[in-house]
Amino acid sequence: MLAPDRLPHVVVVGAGLMGAQIGCEYALGGHPVVLVGRRPESARKRAEQALATVERYGLHGAEEIGSALSRITVVGSLEEVDSADLIVESVPEDFELKAEVLGRAAAAFPNGVVATNTSSLSVTALGEAIGAPERTLGTHYWNPPLLMPLVELVAGDATAAEALDGVEGALRALGKRPVRVHDVPGFVWNRLQLALLREAVWVVEHGVATPEAVDEIVRSGLARRWRSTGPFETVGLGGAATFGRVAANLFPVLSGAQRAGGLARWTPKEPGALAAAKARRDAALAGEIHRERREGTA
């Protein structure tokens, strides 16, 4: 398990955009990091691009970024890794693929904690499939990891408390905000996100509002208020009895759709529009981090 008195060696398997950012975050925190990607040159480039994003938004200086890059080693296979205290898996959302990758990591490093970045698969089932349920947990990052502090720390049914405590401590030392949740489909973030998306699809399909109007209502309405008060705090402020009456009227008629077909019909496709949305999102997220640092709440 993770030793509290030293920086663990971190291995990130799956060096896509998210995996590269996760590895960079540990490297910025002083950890020696190995990125495992099928094409090492591409993995190295993604790590450099991730660190360039951090520098662009002024979250770390050039010296810190240079030091972080020096702590990152990129290899083409797990067999090239000498040691690992924490293995973070970030491969595509496929149970068999994740189990194969995590199984090899668990066998190669019998004392290492195994963390999956799954957003919807069962952490308990993955731990059982690889024969290391007590060392398996979920660290569900939100995209983009370098700009989103929260991480869902998911306990499988058999995950050891020592493993959870060690990973939570490592994440907090990086400036992350780990939130412990239990292993249910979608955990918490995606259950909430997809519940809202299901209703958004119903609204657009039935001509109640355009996709642009829905986005504006969420950005300027729900998100603006929820940034300060979450759903239960909002109920407390508005009155539980009032929300209870509204729920009695609305819960029976909310969408119960089982599929989200045709989503592409309503999403922006023009590259310039997508690039502008990404830049707006990233700048806003970086601004939040700067504000929290000034206020001492980061």
Protein backbone atom coordinates (compact mmCIF):
# COMPACT_ATOMS: atom_id res chain seq x y z
CA MET A 1 0.00 0.00 0.00
CA LEU A 2 1.03 3.64 -0.26
CA ALA A 3 3.68 4.68 2.25
CA PRO A 4 2.74 7.99 3.96
CA ASP A 5 6.35 9.09 4.40
CA ARG A 6 7.42 9.24 0.75
CA LEU A 7 6.19 10.25 -2.66
CA PRO A 8 4.87 7.15 -4.40
CA HIS A 9 5.98 6.12 -7.84
CA VAL A 10 2.96 6.66 -10.08
CA VAL A 11 2.29 4.78 -13.31
CA VAL A 12 -0.45 6.00 -15.62
CA VAL A 13 -1.54 3.39 -18.15
CA GLY A 14 -3.29 4.99 -21.10
CA ALA A 15 -1.65 8.21 -22.24
CA GLY A 16 -4.55 9.83 -24.06
CA LEU A 17 -5.49 13.42 -23.33
CA MET A 18 -6.95 12.59 -19.92
CA GLY A 19 -4.23 10.11 -18.91
CA ALA A 20 -1.49 12.54 -19.90
CA GLN A 21 -3.05 15.28 -17.78
CA ILE A 22 -3.40 12.96 -14.79
CA GLY A 23 0.27 12.00 -15.10
CA CYS A 24 1.31 15.64 -15.40
CA GLU A 25 -0.62 16.54 -12.28
CA TYR A 26 1.26 13.94 -10.23
CA ALA A 27 4.54 15.10 -11.75
CA LEU A 28 3.75 18.72 -10.81
CA GLY A 29 3.21 17.42 -7.28
CA GLY A 30 6.75 16.03 -7.18
CA HIS A 31 6.01 12.39 -7.97
CA PRO A 32 8.11 10.32 -10.35
CA VAL A 33 5.68 9.34 -13.10
CA VAL A 34 5.71 6.77 -15.89
CA LEU A 35 3.26 7.25 -18.73
CA VAL A 36 2.47 4.02 -20.59
CA GLY A 37 1.24 4.55 -24.13
CA ARG A 38 1.32 2.48 -27.28
CA ARG A 39 3.04 5.35 -29.11
CA PRO A 40 5.52 6.91 -26.68
CA GLU A 41 6.29 9.87 -28.95
CA SER A 42 2.62 10.84 -29.05
CA ALA A 43 2.29 10.32 -25.30
CA ARG A 44 5.24 12.62 -24.65
CA LYS A 45 3.73 15.25 -26.92
CA ARG A 46 0.40 15.11 -25.09
CA ALA A 47 2.19 15.56 -21.77
CA GLU A 48 4.03 18.58 -23.13
CA GLN A 49 0.77 20.02 -24.45
CA ALA A 50 -0.89 19.48 -21.07
CA LEU A 51 1.91 21.31 -19.27
CA ALA A 52 1.76 24.09 -21.86
CA THR A 53 -1.91 24.57 -20.95
CA VAL A 54 -0.96 24.92 -17.28
CA GLU A 55 1.67 27.52 -18.18
CA ARG A 56 -0.68 29.38 -20.53
CA TYR A 57 -3.16 29.97 -17.72
CA GLY A 58 -0.49 30.87 -15.18
CA LEU A 59 -1.20 27.96 -12.83
CA HIS A 60 2.48 27.00 -12.58
CA GLY A 61 5.69 28.73 -13.58
CA ALA A 62 8.18 27.66 -16.22
CA GLU A 63 10.62 26.27 -13.64
CA GLU A 64 7.95 24.09 -12.00
CA ILE A 65 6.80 22.86 -15.37
CA GLY A 66 10.33 22.03 -16.46
CA SER A 67 10.87 20.08 -13.25
CA ALA A 68 7.62 18.21 -13.73
CA LEU A 69 8.55 17.25 -17.27
CA SER A 70 11.89 15.91 -16.04
CA ARG A 71 10.02 13.58 -13.66
CA ILE A 72 7.97 12.01 -16.46
CA THR A 73 9.19 8.89 -18.25
CA VAL A 74 7.27 7.59 -21.24
CA VAL A 75 7.31 3.91 -22.23
CA GLY A 76 5.44 1.76 -24.71
CA SER A 77 4.36 -1.10 -22.44
CA LEU A 78 3.75 -1.97 -18.82
CA GLU A 79 6.53 -4.53 -18.98
CA GLU A 80 9.06 -1.69 -19.24
CA VAL A 81 8.09 -0.30 -15.82
CA ASP A 82 10.41 -1.19 -12.93
CA SER A 83 8.33 -0.12 -9.91
CA ALA A 84 4.92 1.28 -9.08
CA ASP A 85 3.18 2.21 -5.85
CA LEU A 86 0.08 3.63 -7.52
CA ILE A 87 -1.16 2.52 -10.94
CA VAL A 88 -3.77 4.75 -12.54
CA GLU A 89 -5.59 3.26 -15.52
CA SER A 90 -7.08 5.60 -18.13
CA VAL A 91 -7.93 3.45 -21.14
CA PRO A 92 -11.24 3.42 -23.08
CA GLU A 93 -14.48 2.55 -21.25
CA ASP A 94 -14.48 -1.19 -21.97
CA PHE A 95 -14.66 -3.70 -19.11
CA GLU A 96 -12.54 -6.41 -20.73
CA LEU A 97 -9.85 -3.94 -21.77
CA LYS A 98 -9.68 -2.33 -18.35
CA ALA A 99 -9.62 -5.70 -16.60
CA GLU A 100 -6.79 -6.88 -18.84
CA VAL A 101 -4.70 -3.77 -18.18
CA LEU A 102 -5.42 -3.66 -14.47
CA GLY A 103 -4.86 -7.39 -14.11
CA ARG A 104 -1.37 -7.15 -15.59
CA ALA A 105 -0.58 -4.18 -13.35
CA ALA A 106 -1.85 -5.93 -10.21
CA ALA A 107 0.22 -9.01 -10.99
CA ALA A 108 3.37 -7.04 -11.82
CA PHE A 109 3.18 -4.83 -8.72
CA PRO A 110 1.62 -6.90 -5.91
CA ASN A 111 2.03 -4.10 -3.35
CA GLY A 112 0.69 -1.33 -5.56
CA VAL A 113 -2.71 0.32 -5.31
CA VAL A 114 -4.69 -0.02 -8.55
CA ALA A 115 -6.92 2.92 -9.51
CA THR A 116 -9.31 2.91 -12.44
CA ASN A 117 -10.52 6.12 -14.07
CA THR A 118 -13.75 4.48 -15.18
CA SER A 119 -16.77 6.74 -15.29
CA SER A 120 -19.47 4.06 -15.34
CA LEU A 121 -18.11 0.54 -14.82
CA SER A 122 -18.22 -1.30 -11.50
CA VAL A 123 -15.07 -0.86 -9.43
CA THR A 124 -16.10 -3.89 -7.37
CA ALA A 125 -16.40 -6.08 -10.47
CA LEU A 126 -13.07 -4.87 -11.84
CA GLY A 127 -11.33 -5.62 -8.53
CA GLU A 128 -12.77 -9.12 -8.48
CA ALA A 129 -11.88 -9.71 -12.14
CA ILE A 130 -8.21 -8.91 -11.57
CA GLY A 131 -7.97 -10.84 -8.30
CA ALA A 132 -7.05 -7.81 -6.19
CA PRO A 133 -10.29 -6.36 -4.83
CA GLU A 134 -8.70 -4.95 -1.67
CA ARG A 135 -6.20 -2.90 -3.71
CA THR A 136 -8.64 -1.70 -6.36
CA LEU A 137 -10.47 1.61 -6.22
CA GLY A 138 -11.76 4.28 -8.54
CA THR A 139 -10.33 7.74 -9.11
CA HIS A 140 -12.86 9.29 -11.46
CA TYR A 141 -11.40 12.52 -12.82
CA TRP A 142 -13.42 15.15 -14.64
CA ASN A 143 -12.25 16.55 -17.91
CA PRO A 144 -9.90 18.40 -18.14
CA PRO A 145 -8.17 16.97 -15.02
CA LEU A 146 -5.61 19.77 -14.70
CA LEU A 147 -8.41 22.35 -14.46
CA MET A 148 -11.00 20.36 -12.47
CA PRO A 149 -10.01 19.88 -8.81
CA LEU A 150 -12.69 17.35 -7.81
CA VAL A 151 -12.07 13.60 -8.08
CA GLU A 152 -14.60 10.93 -7.16
CA LEU A 153 -12.78 8.44 -4.93
CA VAL A 154 -14.78 5.25 -5.42
CA ALA A 155 -14.63 2.41 -2.93
CA GLY A 156 -15.36 -1.09 -4.18
CA ASP A 157 -17.11 -3.49 -1.82
CA ALA A 158 -13.76 -4.97 -0.70
CA THR A 159 -11.44 -1.95 -1.06
CA ALA A 160 -9.14 -1.66 1.96
CA ALA A 161 -9.45 1.51 4.03
CA GLU A 162 -5.66 1.82 3.90
CA ALA A 163 -5.74 2.06 0.11
CA LEU A 164 -8.48 4.69 0.15
CA ASP A 165 -6.71 6.74 2.81
CA GLY A 166 -3.40 6.61 0.96
CA VAL A 167 -4.84 7.73 -2.38
CA GLU A 168 -6.96 10.42 -0.74
CA GLY A 169 -3.86 11.80 0.96
CA ALA A 170 -1.90 11.78 -2.29
CA LEU A 171 -4.71 13.58 -4.12
CA ARG A 172 -5.13 16.23 -1.43
CA ALA A 173 -1.38 16.89 -1.52
CA LEU A 174 -1.79 17.69 -5.22
CA GLY A 175 -4.47 20.24 -4.42
CA LYS A 176 -7.31 17.99 -5.58
CA ARG A 177 -10.63 17.64 -3.78
CA PRO A 178 -11.35 13.92 -3.48
CA VAL A 179 -14.96 13.08 -2.63
CA ARG A 180 -15.63 9.56 -1.38
CA VAL A 181 -18.56 7.79 -3.01
CA HIS A 182 -19.83 4.24 -3.15
CA ASP A 183 -19.71 1.95 -6.15
CA VAL A 184 -23.02 2.35 -7.97
CA PRO A 185 -23.48 2.66 -11.77
CA GLY A 186 -22.24 6.08 -12.85
CA PHE A 187 -21.20 6.95 -9.27
CA VAL A 188 -22.57 10.42 -8.44
CA TRP A 189 -21.26 12.90 -11.01
CA ASN A 190 -22.49 11.00 -14.06
CA ARG A 191 -25.81 10.06 -12.47
CA LEU A 192 -26.51 13.75 -11.94
CA GLN A 193 -25.11 14.79 -15.31
CA LEU A 194 -27.04 12.16 -17.27
CA ALA A 195 -30.26 12.83 -15.36
CA LEU A 196 -30.07 16.46 -16.48
CA LEU A 197 -29.10 15.42 -20.01
CA ARG A 198 -32.10 13.07 -20.25
CA GLU A 199 -34.47 15.92 -19.41
CA ALA A 200 -32.60 18.29 -21.75
CA VAL A 201 -33.12 15.81 -24.60
CA TRP A 202 -36.85 15.60 -23.81
CA VAL A 203 -37.16 19.40 -23.80
CA VAL A 204 -35.50 19.72 -27.21
CA GLU A 205 -37.23 16.72 -28.79
CA HIS A 206 -40.62 18.10 -27.82
CA GLY A 207 -39.90 21.59 -29.09
CA VAL A 208 -40.07 23.23 -25.67
CA ALA A 209 -36.76 25.02 -26.22
CA THR A 210 -33.80 24.96 -28.60
CA PRO A 211 -30.47 23.35 -27.69
CA GLU A 212 -29.00 26.86 -27.48
CA ALA A 213 -31.70 27.95 -25.05
CA VAL A 214 -31.15 24.86 -22.88
CA ASP A 215 -27.40 25.51 -22.77
CA GLU A 216 -28.06 29.13 -21.79
CA ILE A 217 -30.50 28.16 -19.04
CA VAL A 218 -27.98 25.73 -17.56
CA ARG A 219 -24.98 28.07 -17.88
CA SER A 220 -26.62 31.28 -16.72
CA GLY A 221 -29.30 29.83 -14.48
CA LEU A 222 -28.69 26.48 -12.82
CA ALA A 223 -24.87 26.55 -12.98
CA ARG A 224 -24.66 30.17 -11.85
CA ARG A 225 -26.60 29.45 -8.66
CA TRP A 226 -25.37 25.92 -8.09
CA ARG A 227 -21.81 27.24 -8.10
CA SER A 228 -22.63 28.79 -4.73
CA THR A 229 -25.29 26.43 -3.35
CA GLY A 230 -25.71 22.79 -4.29
CA PRO A 231 -29.09 21.09 -4.78
CA PHE A 232 -29.75 20.33 -1.11
CA GLU A 233 -28.58 23.75 0.07
CA THR A 234 -30.85 25.27 -2.58
CA VAL A 235 -33.80 23.29 -1.22
CA GLY A 236 -32.92 24.48 2.28
CA LEU A 237 -32.95 28.09 1.16
CA GLY A 238 -36.13 27.75 -0.91
CA GLY A 239 -37.97 25.61 1.59
CA ALA A 240 -38.29 21.83 1.62
CA ALA A 241 -42.10 22.03 1.60
CA THR A 242 -42.08 24.21 -1.52
CA PHE A 243 -39.68 21.92 -3.37
CA GLY A 244 -41.71 18.93 -2.21
CA ARG A 245 -44.84 20.35 -3.82
CA VAL A 246 -42.99 21.13 -7.05
CA ALA A 247 -41.51 17.61 -7.07
CA ALA A 248 -44.96 16.09 -6.62
CA ASN A 249 -46.08 17.91 -9.76
CA LEU A 250 -42.97 17.25 -11.86
CA PHE A 251 -41.49 13.89 -10.83
CA PRO A 252 -44.35 11.91 -12.46
CA VAL A 253 -43.91 13.70 -15.81
CA LEU A 254 -40.12 13.91 -16.09
CA SER A 255 -38.50 11.93 -18.88
CA GLY A 256 -38.02 8.22 -18.35
CA ALA A 257 -36.16 7.67 -21.62
CA GLN A 258 -33.81 4.69 -21.77
CA ARG A 259 -31.80 5.88 -24.80
CA ALA A 260 -30.24 9.15 -25.89
CA GLY A 261 -30.41 8.62 -29.61
CA GLY A 262 -29.65 11.42 -32.01
CA LEU A 263 -27.61 13.58 -29.67
CA ALA A 264 -25.37 14.60 -32.56
CA ARG A 265 -28.32 16.43 -34.13
CA TRP A 266 -28.15 19.11 -31.46
CA THR A 267 -24.47 19.45 -30.67
CA PRO A 268 -22.11 21.98 -32.29
CA LYS A 269 -19.97 20.47 -35.04
CA GLU A 270 -18.14 23.39 -36.63
CA PRO A 271 -14.47 23.18 -35.50
CA GLY A 272 -14.25 26.89 -34.80
CA ALA A 273 -17.30 26.83 -32.54
CA LEU A 274 -15.98 23.81 -30.63
CA ALA A 275 -12.56 25.42 -30.23
CA ALA A 276 -14.18 28.61 -28.92
CA ALA A 277 -16.28 26.64 -26.44
CA LYS A 278 -13.20 24.76 -25.20
CA ALA A 279 -11.21 27.98 -24.81
CA ARG A 280 -14.09 29.61 -22.93
CA ARG A 281 -14.43 26.59 -20.65
CA ASP A 282 -10.71 26.26 -19.91
CA ALA A 283 -10.24 29.97 -19.24
CA ALA A 284 -13.19 29.99 -16.86
CA LEU A 285 -11.96 26.88 -15.01
CA ALA A 286 -8.45 28.32 -14.68
CA GLY A 287 -9.96 31.56 -13.41
CA GLU A 288 -11.81 29.61 -10.71
CA ILE A 289 -8.55 28.03 -9.55
CA HIS A 290 -6.87 31.44 -9.37
CA ARG A 291 -9.80 32.85 -7.39
CA GLU A 292 -9.75 29.94 -4.94
CA ARG A 293 -6.00 30.34 -4.46
CA ARG A 294 -6.46 34.05 -3.67
CA GLU A 295 -9.23 33.25 -1.21
CA GLY A 296 -7.32 30.35 0.32
CA THR A 297 -10.07 27.87 -0.50
CA ALA A 298 -8.14 25.84 -3.11
